[in-house]
N, C-alpha and C. Protein backbone atom coordinates (compact mmCIF):
# COMPACT_ATOMS: atom_id res chain seq x y z
N MET A 1 16.03 -19.68 7.31
CA MET A 1 15.36 -19.07 8.46
C MET A 1 13.88 -18.90 8.16
N LYS A 2 13.04 -19.31 9.08
CA LYS A 2 11.59 -19.26 8.89
C LYS A 2 11.01 -17.93 9.36
N ASN A 3 9.79 -17.69 8.91
CA ASN A 3 9.09 -16.50 9.38
C ASN A 3 8.83 -16.58 10.87
N ILE A 4 8.82 -15.42 11.52
CA ILE A 4 8.53 -15.33 12.95
C ILE A 4 7.18 -14.64 13.10
N VAL A 5 6.24 -15.31 13.73
CA VAL A 5 4.89 -14.76 13.90
C VAL A 5 4.60 -14.63 15.39
N HIS A 6 4.47 -13.39 15.86
CA HIS A 6 4.15 -13.14 17.25
C HIS A 6 2.64 -13.12 17.44
N LYS A 7 2.22 -13.36 18.68
CA LYS A 7 0.79 -13.33 18.98
C LYS A 7 0.23 -11.94 18.78
N ARG A 8 -0.94 -11.89 18.19
CA ARG A 8 -1.59 -10.60 17.97
C ARG A 8 -2.00 -10.01 19.32
N PRO A 9 -1.65 -8.75 19.59
CA PRO A 9 -1.99 -8.16 20.89
C PRO A 9 -3.48 -7.87 21.01
N GLU A 10 -3.94 -7.80 22.23
CA GLU A 10 -5.33 -7.42 22.47
C GLU A 10 -5.49 -5.91 22.32
N PHE A 11 -6.55 -5.48 21.69
CA PHE A 11 -6.85 -4.05 21.63
C PHE A 11 -8.36 -3.89 21.59
N ASP A 12 -8.82 -2.70 21.95
CA ASP A 12 -10.24 -2.41 22.07
C ASP A 12 -10.81 -2.08 20.69
N SER A 13 -11.58 -3.01 20.13
CA SER A 13 -12.15 -2.78 18.80
C SER A 13 -13.15 -1.63 18.81
N ALA A 14 -13.77 -1.36 19.96
CA ALA A 14 -14.75 -0.27 20.04
C ALA A 14 -14.08 1.09 19.83
N ILE A 15 -12.89 1.28 20.41
CA ILE A 15 -12.21 2.56 20.23
C ILE A 15 -11.71 2.69 18.80
N VAL A 16 -11.33 1.58 18.17
CA VAL A 16 -10.94 1.62 16.76
C VAL A 16 -12.10 2.13 15.91
N GLU A 17 -13.30 1.65 16.19
CA GLU A 17 -14.47 2.09 15.43
C GLU A 17 -14.74 3.58 15.64
N LYS A 18 -14.48 4.07 16.85
CA LYS A 18 -14.65 5.50 17.10
C LYS A 18 -13.68 6.32 16.25
N TYR A 19 -12.44 5.85 16.16
CA TYR A 19 -11.47 6.55 15.31
C TYR A 19 -11.90 6.48 13.84
N LYS A 20 -12.34 5.32 13.39
CA LYS A 20 -12.74 5.17 12.00
C LYS A 20 -13.88 6.12 11.64
N ALA A 21 -14.72 6.41 12.60
CA ALA A 21 -15.83 7.34 12.36
C ALA A 21 -15.32 8.76 12.10
N MET A 22 -14.04 9.01 12.38
CA MET A 22 -13.46 10.34 12.14
C MET A 22 -12.75 10.44 10.79
N GLU A 23 -12.89 9.44 9.93
CA GLU A 23 -12.17 9.46 8.66
C GLU A 23 -12.50 10.68 7.80
N GLN A 24 -13.70 11.20 7.95
CA GLN A 24 -14.09 12.36 7.14
C GLN A 24 -13.78 13.70 7.80
N VAL A 25 -13.19 13.67 9.00
CA VAL A 25 -12.76 14.92 9.64
C VAL A 25 -11.65 15.54 8.80
N MET A 26 -11.75 16.84 8.53
CA MET A 26 -10.74 17.51 7.71
C MET A 26 -9.39 17.47 8.40
N SER A 27 -8.36 17.12 7.61
CA SER A 27 -6.97 17.09 8.11
C SER A 27 -6.85 16.20 9.34
N ILE A 28 -7.42 14.98 9.27
CA ILE A 28 -7.49 14.13 10.46
C ILE A 28 -6.11 13.73 10.98
N SER A 29 -5.12 13.54 10.08
CA SER A 29 -3.78 13.20 10.58
C SER A 29 -3.20 14.34 11.40
N CYS A 30 -3.53 15.59 11.03
CA CYS A 30 -3.07 16.75 11.79
C CYS A 30 -3.76 16.83 13.15
N VAL A 31 -5.06 16.62 13.14
CA VAL A 31 -5.84 16.68 14.38
C VAL A 31 -5.31 15.66 15.38
N VAL A 32 -5.08 14.43 14.91
CA VAL A 32 -4.59 13.38 15.80
C VAL A 32 -3.16 13.67 16.24
N GLY A 33 -2.31 14.13 15.32
CA GLY A 33 -0.94 14.47 15.69
C GLY A 33 -0.89 15.58 16.73
N ASP A 34 -1.74 16.61 16.53
CA ASP A 34 -1.80 17.69 17.52
C ASP A 34 -2.24 17.15 18.88
N SER A 35 -3.14 16.20 18.87
CA SER A 35 -3.68 15.65 20.11
C SER A 35 -2.67 14.79 20.86
N MET A 36 -1.57 14.46 20.19
CA MET A 36 -0.46 13.75 20.84
C MET A 36 0.72 14.70 21.06
N GLU A 37 0.43 16.00 21.01
CA GLU A 37 1.46 17.02 21.22
C GLU A 37 2.62 16.83 20.24
N ARG A 38 2.27 16.55 18.97
CA ARG A 38 3.19 16.45 17.84
C ARG A 38 3.99 15.15 17.82
N ASP A 39 3.71 14.21 18.68
CA ASP A 39 4.35 12.89 18.65
C ASP A 39 3.63 12.00 17.65
N GLY A 40 4.26 10.87 17.34
CA GLY A 40 3.60 9.82 16.57
C GLY A 40 3.34 10.14 15.11
N ILE A 41 4.07 11.12 14.55
CA ILE A 41 3.85 11.52 13.17
C ILE A 41 5.00 11.00 12.30
N MET A 42 4.65 10.31 11.21
CA MET A 42 5.67 9.75 10.32
C MET A 42 6.33 10.84 9.48
N HIS A 43 7.48 10.50 8.94
CA HIS A 43 8.28 11.41 8.11
C HIS A 43 7.46 11.92 6.93
N SER A 44 7.77 13.15 6.52
CA SER A 44 6.98 13.81 5.47
C SER A 44 7.09 13.14 4.11
N SER A 45 8.07 12.24 3.92
CA SER A 45 8.17 11.51 2.65
C SER A 45 7.09 10.45 2.50
N MET A 46 6.38 10.14 3.58
CA MET A 46 5.33 9.12 3.54
C MET A 46 4.05 9.74 3.00
N LYS A 47 3.73 9.44 1.73
CA LYS A 47 2.62 10.08 1.05
C LYS A 47 1.71 9.05 0.36
N MET A 48 0.45 9.46 0.15
CA MET A 48 -0.49 8.65 -0.63
C MET A 48 0.06 8.47 -2.05
N ARG A 49 0.01 7.25 -2.56
CA ARG A 49 0.56 6.98 -3.87
C ARG A 49 -0.47 6.46 -4.87
N SER A 50 -1.65 6.10 -4.42
CA SER A 50 -2.65 5.56 -5.35
C SER A 50 -3.90 6.42 -5.30
N VAL A 51 -4.78 6.17 -4.36
CA VAL A 51 -5.99 6.98 -4.22
C VAL A 51 -5.85 7.91 -3.01
N ASN A 52 -6.39 9.10 -3.17
CA ASN A 52 -6.37 10.07 -2.08
C ASN A 52 -7.57 9.79 -1.19
N LYS A 53 -7.39 8.84 -0.30
CA LYS A 53 -8.51 8.29 0.47
C LYS A 53 -8.07 8.08 1.92
N PRO A 54 -8.56 8.86 2.87
CA PRO A 54 -8.18 8.65 4.26
C PRO A 54 -8.54 7.23 4.73
N PHE A 55 -7.68 6.68 5.58
CA PHE A 55 -8.01 5.37 6.16
C PHE A 55 -7.47 5.30 7.58
N ILE A 56 -8.19 4.56 8.42
CA ILE A 56 -7.85 4.41 9.83
C ILE A 56 -8.08 2.96 10.23
N GLY A 57 -7.17 2.40 11.00
CA GLY A 57 -7.34 1.03 11.48
C GLY A 57 -6.18 0.61 12.35
N PRO A 58 -6.31 -0.57 12.99
CA PRO A 58 -5.21 -1.08 13.82
C PRO A 58 -4.06 -1.56 12.95
N ALA A 59 -2.85 -1.31 13.42
CA ALA A 59 -1.66 -1.71 12.68
C ALA A 59 -1.45 -3.22 12.75
N PHE A 60 -1.19 -3.82 11.60
CA PHE A 60 -0.66 -5.18 11.51
C PHE A 60 0.76 -5.01 10.99
N THR A 61 1.74 -5.24 11.85
CA THR A 61 3.11 -4.86 11.53
C THR A 61 3.89 -5.99 10.86
N VAL A 62 4.77 -5.58 9.95
CA VAL A 62 5.59 -6.51 9.16
C VAL A 62 7.01 -5.98 9.13
N LYS A 63 7.96 -6.82 9.51
CA LYS A 63 9.37 -6.43 9.44
C LYS A 63 10.09 -7.33 8.44
N LEU A 64 10.63 -6.73 7.40
CA LEU A 64 11.41 -7.46 6.42
C LEU A 64 12.87 -7.50 6.87
N SER A 65 13.73 -8.10 6.06
CA SER A 65 15.13 -8.22 6.41
C SER A 65 15.96 -7.27 5.56
N SER A 66 16.81 -6.50 6.19
CA SER A 66 17.63 -5.55 5.47
C SER A 66 18.49 -6.25 4.43
N GLY A 67 18.43 -5.78 3.18
CA GLY A 67 19.18 -6.40 2.10
C GLY A 67 18.52 -7.62 1.52
N PHE A 68 17.35 -8.01 2.06
CA PHE A 68 16.66 -9.20 1.57
C PHE A 68 15.16 -8.92 1.65
N LEU A 69 14.72 -8.02 0.80
CA LEU A 69 13.34 -7.53 0.87
C LEU A 69 12.42 -8.44 0.08
N ALA A 70 11.90 -9.46 0.74
CA ALA A 70 11.04 -10.46 0.08
C ALA A 70 9.60 -9.96 0.02
N ASP A 71 8.83 -10.51 -0.92
CA ASP A 71 7.39 -10.28 -0.94
C ASP A 71 6.78 -10.79 0.36
N CYS A 72 5.86 -10.02 0.93
CA CYS A 72 5.33 -10.38 2.25
C CYS A 72 3.96 -11.05 2.13
N LEU A 73 3.89 -12.13 1.35
CA LEU A 73 2.64 -12.86 1.16
C LEU A 73 2.12 -13.47 2.45
N ALA A 74 3.01 -13.67 3.43
CA ALA A 74 2.60 -14.30 4.69
C ALA A 74 1.54 -13.51 5.43
N ILE A 75 1.42 -12.21 5.13
CA ILE A 75 0.43 -11.41 5.85
C ILE A 75 -0.99 -11.93 5.64
N PHE A 76 -1.26 -12.54 4.51
CA PHE A 76 -2.62 -12.95 4.21
C PHE A 76 -3.07 -14.18 5.01
N GLU A 77 -2.13 -14.80 5.71
CA GLU A 77 -2.49 -15.90 6.61
C GLU A 77 -2.96 -15.37 7.96
N TYR A 78 -2.59 -14.14 8.31
CA TYR A 78 -2.78 -13.67 9.67
C TYR A 78 -3.53 -12.34 9.80
N ALA A 79 -3.45 -11.47 8.82
CA ALA A 79 -4.12 -10.17 8.91
C ALA A 79 -5.62 -10.34 8.91
N GLU A 80 -6.32 -9.39 9.52
CA GLU A 80 -7.77 -9.46 9.66
C GLU A 80 -8.44 -8.27 8.98
N PRO A 81 -9.71 -8.43 8.61
CA PRO A 81 -10.43 -7.30 8.00
C PRO A 81 -10.37 -6.07 8.90
N GLY A 82 -10.14 -4.91 8.27
CA GLY A 82 -10.03 -3.67 9.02
C GLY A 82 -8.61 -3.28 9.35
N ASP A 83 -7.65 -4.20 9.20
CA ASP A 83 -6.26 -3.91 9.52
C ASP A 83 -5.64 -2.93 8.54
N VAL A 84 -4.62 -2.22 9.03
CA VAL A 84 -3.70 -1.46 8.19
C VAL A 84 -2.36 -2.18 8.21
N ILE A 85 -1.85 -2.57 7.05
CA ILE A 85 -0.56 -3.23 6.99
C ILE A 85 0.54 -2.17 7.09
N VAL A 86 1.42 -2.31 8.07
CA VAL A 86 2.53 -1.37 8.28
C VAL A 86 3.83 -2.15 8.10
N ILE A 87 4.60 -1.78 7.06
CA ILE A 87 5.77 -2.58 6.67
C ILE A 87 7.06 -1.79 6.87
N ASP A 88 7.98 -2.40 7.58
CA ASP A 88 9.33 -1.86 7.74
C ASP A 88 10.21 -2.50 6.68
N ALA A 89 10.42 -1.75 5.58
CA ALA A 89 11.30 -2.21 4.50
C ALA A 89 12.60 -1.40 4.52
N PHE A 90 12.97 -0.91 5.69
CA PHE A 90 14.25 -0.25 5.94
C PHE A 90 14.43 1.02 5.10
N GLY A 91 13.32 1.61 4.66
CA GLY A 91 13.40 2.86 3.92
C GLY A 91 14.01 2.72 2.54
N ASP A 92 14.12 1.48 2.03
CA ASP A 92 14.69 1.26 0.69
C ASP A 92 13.78 1.86 -0.36
N THR A 93 14.32 2.76 -1.18
CA THR A 93 13.49 3.47 -2.15
C THR A 93 13.50 2.84 -3.54
N GLU A 94 14.32 1.80 -3.77
CA GLU A 94 14.51 1.29 -5.13
C GLU A 94 13.94 -0.11 -5.36
N THR A 95 13.61 -0.83 -4.31
CA THR A 95 13.02 -2.16 -4.45
C THR A 95 11.60 -2.13 -3.91
N SER A 96 10.63 -2.35 -4.77
CA SER A 96 9.23 -2.26 -4.36
C SER A 96 8.75 -3.60 -3.81
N ILE A 97 8.23 -3.54 -2.58
CA ILE A 97 7.78 -4.78 -1.94
C ILE A 97 6.26 -4.85 -1.88
N TRP A 98 5.60 -3.95 -2.63
CA TRP A 98 4.13 -3.99 -2.71
C TRP A 98 3.74 -3.58 -4.13
N GLY A 99 2.92 -4.43 -4.78
CA GLY A 99 2.48 -4.13 -6.14
C GLY A 99 0.99 -4.33 -6.31
N GLY A 100 0.56 -4.38 -7.55
CA GLY A 100 -0.86 -4.45 -7.85
C GLY A 100 -1.55 -5.70 -7.34
N LEU A 101 -0.88 -6.83 -7.45
CA LEU A 101 -1.49 -8.08 -6.98
C LEU A 101 -1.65 -8.06 -5.46
N MET A 102 -0.67 -7.49 -4.78
CA MET A 102 -0.78 -7.35 -3.32
C MET A 102 -1.98 -6.47 -2.97
N SER A 103 -2.16 -5.39 -3.72
CA SER A 103 -3.30 -4.50 -3.46
C SER A 103 -4.62 -5.22 -3.66
N GLY A 104 -4.70 -6.03 -4.72
CA GLY A 104 -5.93 -6.79 -4.95
C GLY A 104 -6.21 -7.81 -3.87
N LEU A 105 -5.18 -8.53 -3.47
CA LEU A 105 -5.35 -9.52 -2.40
C LEU A 105 -5.72 -8.84 -1.08
N ALA A 106 -5.09 -7.71 -0.81
CA ALA A 106 -5.38 -6.99 0.43
C ALA A 106 -6.82 -6.48 0.44
N ARG A 107 -7.25 -5.92 -0.66
CA ARG A 107 -8.63 -5.44 -0.73
C ARG A 107 -9.60 -6.58 -0.50
N ASN A 108 -9.34 -7.74 -1.12
CA ASN A 108 -10.22 -8.90 -0.95
C ASN A 108 -10.24 -9.39 0.49
N ALA A 109 -9.12 -9.19 1.21
CA ALA A 109 -9.02 -9.63 2.60
C ALA A 109 -9.63 -8.62 3.57
N GLY A 110 -10.12 -7.49 3.07
CA GLY A 110 -10.71 -6.49 3.95
C GLY A 110 -9.71 -5.56 4.59
N ILE A 111 -8.45 -5.62 4.15
CA ILE A 111 -7.43 -4.71 4.66
C ILE A 111 -7.72 -3.32 4.12
N VAL A 112 -7.61 -2.29 4.97
CA VAL A 112 -8.07 -0.96 4.58
C VAL A 112 -6.99 -0.09 3.96
N GLY A 113 -5.72 -0.47 4.09
CA GLY A 113 -4.65 0.31 3.51
C GLY A 113 -3.29 -0.26 3.87
N ALA A 114 -2.26 0.21 3.17
CA ALA A 114 -0.89 -0.22 3.44
C ALA A 114 -0.02 1.00 3.65
N VAL A 115 0.86 0.92 4.64
CA VAL A 115 1.81 1.98 4.96
C VAL A 115 3.20 1.35 4.91
N ILE A 116 4.04 1.83 4.00
CA ILE A 116 5.29 1.13 3.68
C ILE A 116 6.49 2.05 3.84
N TRP A 117 7.37 1.72 4.77
CA TRP A 117 8.63 2.44 4.90
C TRP A 117 9.59 1.85 3.88
N GLY A 118 9.32 2.20 2.62
CA GLY A 118 10.04 1.65 1.48
C GLY A 118 9.29 2.03 0.23
N SER A 119 9.38 1.17 -0.78
CA SER A 119 8.82 1.50 -2.09
C SER A 119 7.64 0.61 -2.46
N ALA A 120 6.73 1.19 -3.24
CA ALA A 120 5.60 0.45 -3.82
C ALA A 120 5.60 0.67 -5.32
N ARG A 121 4.83 -0.16 -6.04
CA ARG A 121 4.69 0.03 -7.48
C ARG A 121 3.26 -0.33 -7.90
N ASP A 122 3.00 -0.30 -9.19
CA ASP A 122 1.66 -0.61 -9.72
C ASP A 122 0.60 0.28 -9.06
N THR A 123 0.94 1.52 -8.85
CA THR A 123 0.00 2.42 -8.19
C THR A 123 -1.22 2.70 -9.05
N ASP A 124 -1.07 2.56 -10.37
CA ASP A 124 -2.23 2.72 -11.25
C ASP A 124 -3.25 1.61 -11.01
N GLU A 125 -2.75 0.40 -10.79
CA GLU A 125 -3.64 -0.73 -10.51
C GLU A 125 -4.31 -0.56 -9.15
N ALA A 126 -3.54 -0.11 -8.17
CA ALA A 126 -4.13 0.15 -6.84
C ALA A 126 -5.20 1.23 -6.93
N ARG A 127 -4.97 2.23 -7.78
CA ARG A 127 -5.97 3.28 -7.97
C ARG A 127 -7.24 2.70 -8.58
N MET A 128 -7.09 1.82 -9.55
CA MET A 128 -8.24 1.16 -10.16
C MET A 128 -9.01 0.34 -9.13
N LEU A 129 -8.29 -0.26 -8.19
CA LEU A 129 -8.90 -1.08 -7.15
C LEU A 129 -9.44 -0.24 -5.99
N ASP A 130 -9.17 1.08 -6.01
CA ASP A 130 -9.55 1.98 -4.92
C ASP A 130 -8.91 1.56 -3.61
N PHE A 131 -7.65 1.10 -3.70
CA PHE A 131 -6.92 0.65 -2.51
C PHE A 131 -5.82 1.66 -2.19
N PRO A 132 -5.85 2.25 -0.99
CA PRO A 132 -4.87 3.30 -0.64
C PRO A 132 -3.53 2.72 -0.18
N ILE A 133 -2.48 3.34 -0.70
CA ILE A 133 -1.11 2.98 -0.33
C ILE A 133 -0.38 4.24 0.10
N VAL A 134 0.28 4.18 1.24
CA VAL A 134 1.22 5.22 1.64
C VAL A 134 2.61 4.59 1.60
N SER A 135 3.56 5.26 0.95
CA SER A 135 4.92 4.73 0.92
C SER A 135 5.92 5.86 0.86
N LYS A 136 7.18 5.51 1.09
CA LYS A 136 8.26 6.50 1.01
C LYS A 136 8.56 6.85 -0.44
N SER A 137 8.41 5.85 -1.34
CA SER A 137 8.75 6.09 -2.74
C SER A 137 7.94 5.15 -3.63
N VAL A 138 8.09 5.36 -4.94
CA VAL A 138 7.49 4.49 -5.96
C VAL A 138 8.59 4.15 -6.96
N SER A 139 8.72 2.85 -7.29
CA SER A 139 9.76 2.42 -8.22
C SER A 139 9.29 1.18 -8.99
N PRO A 140 9.65 1.04 -10.26
CA PRO A 140 9.25 -0.14 -11.04
C PRO A 140 9.92 -1.44 -10.60
N ARG A 141 11.06 -1.37 -9.90
CA ARG A 141 11.82 -2.59 -9.59
C ARG A 141 11.10 -3.46 -8.58
N GLU A 142 10.83 -4.72 -8.97
CA GLU A 142 10.12 -5.65 -8.09
C GLU A 142 11.05 -6.25 -7.05
N ALA A 143 10.45 -6.85 -6.03
CA ALA A 143 11.23 -7.61 -5.05
C ALA A 143 11.78 -8.87 -5.72
N HIS A 144 12.74 -9.49 -5.09
CA HIS A 144 13.42 -10.64 -5.70
C HIS A 144 12.58 -11.91 -5.71
N SER A 145 11.51 -11.96 -4.90
CA SER A 145 10.81 -13.23 -4.68
C SER A 145 10.27 -13.87 -5.95
N ALA A 146 9.81 -13.04 -6.91
CA ALA A 146 9.29 -13.59 -8.16
C ALA A 146 10.36 -14.37 -8.92
N LEU A 147 11.62 -13.99 -8.74
CA LEU A 147 12.72 -14.67 -9.43
C LEU A 147 13.30 -15.80 -8.60
N THR A 148 13.41 -15.58 -7.28
CA THR A 148 14.09 -16.56 -6.43
C THR A 148 13.15 -17.54 -5.76
N GLN A 149 11.85 -17.16 -5.69
CA GLN A 149 10.86 -17.96 -4.95
C GLN A 149 11.21 -18.07 -3.46
N LEU A 150 11.95 -17.10 -2.97
CA LEU A 150 12.27 -17.04 -1.55
C LEU A 150 11.38 -15.99 -0.90
N PHE A 151 10.66 -16.37 0.15
CA PHE A 151 9.70 -15.48 0.80
C PHE A 151 9.97 -15.33 2.29
N GLU A 152 11.09 -15.79 2.77
CA GLU A 152 11.43 -15.73 4.18
C GLU A 152 12.83 -15.14 4.31
N PRO A 153 13.19 -14.60 5.50
CA PRO A 153 12.39 -14.49 6.72
C PRO A 153 11.62 -13.17 6.79
N ILE A 154 10.46 -13.22 7.40
CA ILE A 154 9.62 -12.06 7.67
C ILE A 154 9.14 -12.19 9.11
N GLU A 155 9.08 -11.07 9.82
CA GLU A 155 8.59 -11.08 11.21
C GLU A 155 7.28 -10.30 11.26
N LEU A 156 6.27 -10.90 11.88
CA LEU A 156 4.93 -10.31 11.93
C LEU A 156 4.53 -10.00 13.37
N ASN A 157 3.72 -8.93 13.52
CA ASN A 157 3.19 -8.52 14.84
C ASN A 157 4.30 -8.19 15.82
N CYS A 158 5.35 -7.55 15.33
CA CYS A 158 6.47 -7.14 16.17
C CYS A 158 6.61 -5.62 16.09
N PRO A 159 7.32 -4.99 17.01
CA PRO A 159 7.59 -3.55 16.86
C PRO A 159 8.39 -3.30 15.59
N VAL A 160 8.01 -2.28 14.83
CA VAL A 160 8.73 -1.94 13.61
C VAL A 160 9.05 -0.45 13.59
N SER A 161 10.06 -0.10 12.81
CA SER A 161 10.38 1.30 12.53
C SER A 161 9.76 1.64 11.19
N CYS A 162 8.91 2.66 11.18
CA CYS A 162 8.23 3.05 9.95
C CYS A 162 8.08 4.57 9.92
N GLY A 163 8.66 5.19 8.92
CA GLY A 163 8.55 6.64 8.81
C GLY A 163 9.16 7.40 9.96
N GLY A 164 10.16 6.80 10.60
CA GLY A 164 10.86 7.49 11.68
C GLY A 164 10.27 7.31 13.06
N ILE A 165 9.22 6.50 13.19
CA ILE A 165 8.65 6.23 14.52
C ILE A 165 8.51 4.73 14.72
N ILE A 166 8.34 4.33 15.97
CA ILE A 166 8.11 2.91 16.29
C ILE A 166 6.61 2.65 16.28
N VAL A 167 6.21 1.60 15.56
CA VAL A 167 4.81 1.21 15.49
C VAL A 167 4.69 -0.22 16.01
N ASN A 168 3.72 -0.45 16.90
CA ASN A 168 3.42 -1.78 17.41
C ASN A 168 2.10 -2.27 16.85
N SER A 169 1.98 -3.59 16.70
CA SER A 169 0.69 -4.13 16.27
C SER A 169 -0.40 -3.69 17.24
N GLY A 170 -1.53 -3.29 16.67
CA GLY A 170 -2.65 -2.83 17.48
C GLY A 170 -2.67 -1.34 17.71
N ASP A 171 -1.56 -0.63 17.41
CA ASP A 171 -1.60 0.83 17.43
C ASP A 171 -2.58 1.30 16.36
N ILE A 172 -3.13 2.49 16.53
CA ILE A 172 -4.12 2.98 15.57
C ILE A 172 -3.44 3.89 14.56
N VAL A 173 -3.55 3.51 13.29
CA VAL A 173 -2.94 4.24 12.19
C VAL A 173 -3.97 5.18 11.57
N VAL A 174 -3.60 6.44 11.45
CA VAL A 174 -4.48 7.46 10.87
C VAL A 174 -3.75 8.08 9.68
N ALA A 175 -4.26 7.84 8.47
CA ALA A 175 -3.57 8.29 7.26
C ALA A 175 -4.50 9.11 6.38
N ASP A 176 -3.95 10.19 5.82
CA ASP A 176 -4.69 10.99 4.84
C ASP A 176 -3.69 11.60 3.87
N GLU A 177 -4.14 12.52 3.01
CA GLU A 177 -3.26 13.08 1.99
C GLU A 177 -2.12 13.91 2.58
N ILE A 178 -2.23 14.29 3.84
CA ILE A 178 -1.21 15.11 4.47
C ILE A 178 -0.09 14.25 5.04
N GLY A 179 -0.44 13.12 5.63
CA GLY A 179 0.57 12.25 6.21
C GLY A 179 -0.04 11.16 7.07
N VAL A 180 0.79 10.62 7.97
CA VAL A 180 0.37 9.49 8.81
C VAL A 180 0.70 9.80 10.26
N SER A 181 -0.30 9.64 11.13
CA SER A 181 -0.10 9.72 12.57
C SER A 181 -0.48 8.37 13.18
N VAL A 182 0.23 7.96 14.21
CA VAL A 182 0.01 6.66 14.83
C VAL A 182 -0.20 6.84 16.33
N VAL A 183 -1.33 6.32 16.81
CA VAL A 183 -1.69 6.43 18.22
C VAL A 183 -1.33 5.13 18.94
N PRO A 184 -0.43 5.15 19.92
CA PRO A 184 -0.16 3.94 20.69
C PRO A 184 -1.45 3.40 21.30
N ARG A 185 -1.64 2.10 21.23
CA ARG A 185 -2.94 1.55 21.67
C ARG A 185 -3.23 1.84 23.13
N GLY A 186 -2.20 1.99 23.96
CA GLY A 186 -2.41 2.30 25.37
C GLY A 186 -2.87 3.73 25.62
N GLN A 187 -2.76 4.60 24.61
CA GLN A 187 -3.16 6.00 24.75
C GLN A 187 -4.41 6.31 23.93
N ALA A 188 -5.01 5.30 23.33
CA ALA A 188 -6.07 5.52 22.35
C ALA A 188 -7.25 6.30 22.91
N ASP A 189 -7.70 5.98 24.11
CA ASP A 189 -8.88 6.65 24.67
C ASP A 189 -8.63 8.13 24.91
N GLU A 190 -7.52 8.45 25.57
CA GLU A 190 -7.28 9.86 25.91
C GLU A 190 -7.00 10.69 24.66
N VAL A 191 -6.28 10.13 23.69
CA VAL A 191 -6.02 10.87 22.45
C VAL A 191 -7.31 11.09 21.68
N TYR A 192 -8.19 10.09 21.68
CA TYR A 192 -9.48 10.24 21.00
C TYR A 192 -10.28 11.40 21.58
N GLU A 193 -10.33 11.50 22.89
CA GLU A 193 -11.10 12.58 23.52
C GLU A 193 -10.54 13.94 23.12
N ARG A 194 -9.21 14.06 23.13
CA ARG A 194 -8.60 15.33 22.74
C ARG A 194 -8.83 15.62 21.26
N ALA A 195 -8.73 14.59 20.43
CA ALA A 195 -8.93 14.78 18.99
C ALA A 195 -10.35 15.21 18.68
N MET A 196 -11.33 14.62 19.35
CA MET A 196 -12.72 15.00 19.11
C MET A 196 -12.96 16.45 19.51
N LYS A 197 -12.37 16.84 20.64
CA LYS A 197 -12.53 18.23 21.11
C LYS A 197 -11.89 19.20 20.11
N GLN A 198 -10.68 18.85 19.62
CA GLN A 198 -10.01 19.73 18.68
C GLN A 198 -10.77 19.80 17.35
N ALA A 199 -11.25 18.65 16.87
CA ALA A 199 -11.98 18.63 15.61
C ALA A 199 -13.23 19.50 15.68
N ALA A 200 -13.93 19.44 16.81
CA ALA A 200 -15.14 20.25 16.98
C ALA A 200 -14.78 21.73 17.02
N GLY A 201 -13.69 22.07 17.72
CA GLY A 201 -13.26 23.45 17.80
C GLY A 201 -12.83 23.99 16.43
N GLU A 202 -12.13 23.17 15.66
CA GLU A 202 -11.69 23.60 14.33
C GLU A 202 -12.87 23.80 13.39
N GLU A 203 -13.86 22.94 13.48
CA GLU A 203 -15.04 23.09 12.63
C GLU A 203 -15.79 24.37 12.98
N ALA A 204 -15.90 24.66 14.29
CA ALA A 204 -16.57 25.88 14.70
C ALA A 204 -15.80 27.12 14.25
N SER A 205 -14.47 27.10 14.40
CA SER A 205 -13.67 28.26 13.99
C SER A 205 -13.68 28.41 12.47
N ARG A 206 -13.75 27.29 11.75
CA ARG A 206 -13.84 27.34 10.28
C ARG A 206 -15.10 28.07 9.84
N LYS A 207 -16.20 27.79 10.52
CA LYS A 207 -17.46 28.46 10.21
C LYS A 207 -17.37 29.95 10.54
N ASP A 208 -16.70 30.27 11.67
CA ASP A 208 -16.55 31.67 12.05
C ASP A 208 -15.70 32.42 11.02
N ILE A 209 -14.64 31.78 10.53
CA ILE A 209 -13.79 32.43 9.52
C ILE A 209 -14.58 32.71 8.25
N LEU A 210 -15.38 31.74 7.82
CA LEU A 210 -16.21 31.93 6.62
C LEU A 210 -17.24 33.03 6.82
N ALA A 211 -17.58 33.26 8.10
CA ALA A 211 -18.54 34.33 8.41
C ALA A 211 -17.85 35.68 8.60
N GLY A 212 -16.48 35.70 8.48
CA GLY A 212 -15.76 36.96 8.53
C GLY A 212 -15.05 37.26 9.83
N ALA A 213 -14.89 36.28 10.73
CA ALA A 213 -14.22 36.53 12.01
C ALA A 213 -12.77 36.96 11.81
N THR A 214 -12.26 37.81 12.70
CA THR A 214 -10.87 38.27 12.64
C THR A 214 -9.97 37.36 13.48
N VAL A 215 -8.66 37.54 13.30
CA VAL A 215 -7.69 36.77 14.09
C VAL A 215 -7.90 37.02 15.58
N GLU A 216 -8.08 38.29 15.94
CA GLU A 216 -8.26 38.64 17.35
C GLU A 216 -9.49 37.94 17.93
N GLU A 217 -10.57 37.93 17.18
CA GLU A 217 -11.80 37.29 17.65
C GLU A 217 -11.61 35.79 17.82
N LEU A 218 -10.90 35.19 16.87
CA LEU A 218 -10.66 33.74 16.95
C LEU A 218 -9.79 33.39 18.15
N LEU A 219 -8.73 34.16 18.38
CA LEU A 219 -7.84 33.89 19.50
C LEU A 219 -8.57 34.06 20.83
N LYS A 220 -9.41 35.06 20.91
CA LYS A 220 -10.17 35.30 22.13
C LYS A 220 -11.16 34.16 22.41
N LYS A 221 -11.75 33.65 21.35
CA LYS A 221 -12.79 32.63 21.51
C LYS A 221 -12.21 31.22 21.66
N TYR A 222 -11.16 30.91 20.88
CA TYR A 222 -10.67 29.53 20.85
C TYR A 222 -9.26 29.36 21.41
N GLY A 223 -8.50 30.46 21.53
CA GLY A 223 -7.15 30.35 22.05
C GLY A 223 -6.13 29.91 21.01
N ARG A 224 -6.57 29.69 19.77
CA ARG A 224 -5.66 29.27 18.70
C ARG A 224 -6.35 29.52 17.36
N VAL A 225 -5.54 29.51 16.33
CA VAL A 225 -6.09 29.63 14.97
C VAL A 225 -5.66 28.41 14.19
């Protein structure tokens, strides 16, 4: 069975750049998740495994085959600079489908991060490369491809299940040390406006707290703490 490659969907690169400009917003995955009324948030097991470095970009989705978790080298034929690789490895915690060489190749390709519903390894090498990985687990066991030389079938640019939510290619992935939130590309503009408003409000309330504001004062002024 050969790899299946779907057409890359159209998305607004300008709105992606607006989101990327928010990478330094404190707790950005929380801000974006709140702006979607708590939707679009991946499972809490999805954590940074190499460098603690927020990253934001459009999803390039990868679906592996259950029970046949091959190395996904095919992504380097199709992924574009700025992409976030989002891999559905069926939540397998014992077979790592991303290692140090993948991190190096991804960094060279301009990929900004990897989000893996499964296991990764060589996190020390990824840390040396300053390449961020989010995964469900970390394990030394490699995928079978190095032994079998089998790299198919893999499906690209298709809907995938990752961290308990459905992710489509072109959705905006927002990852930090707290977790991962994913904005459906059709909702990107409205979520961005809400996220910017919330981020500004949180920064203002943070300054008020440092200046000694009370809970009552904060609730009266902002309606939330």
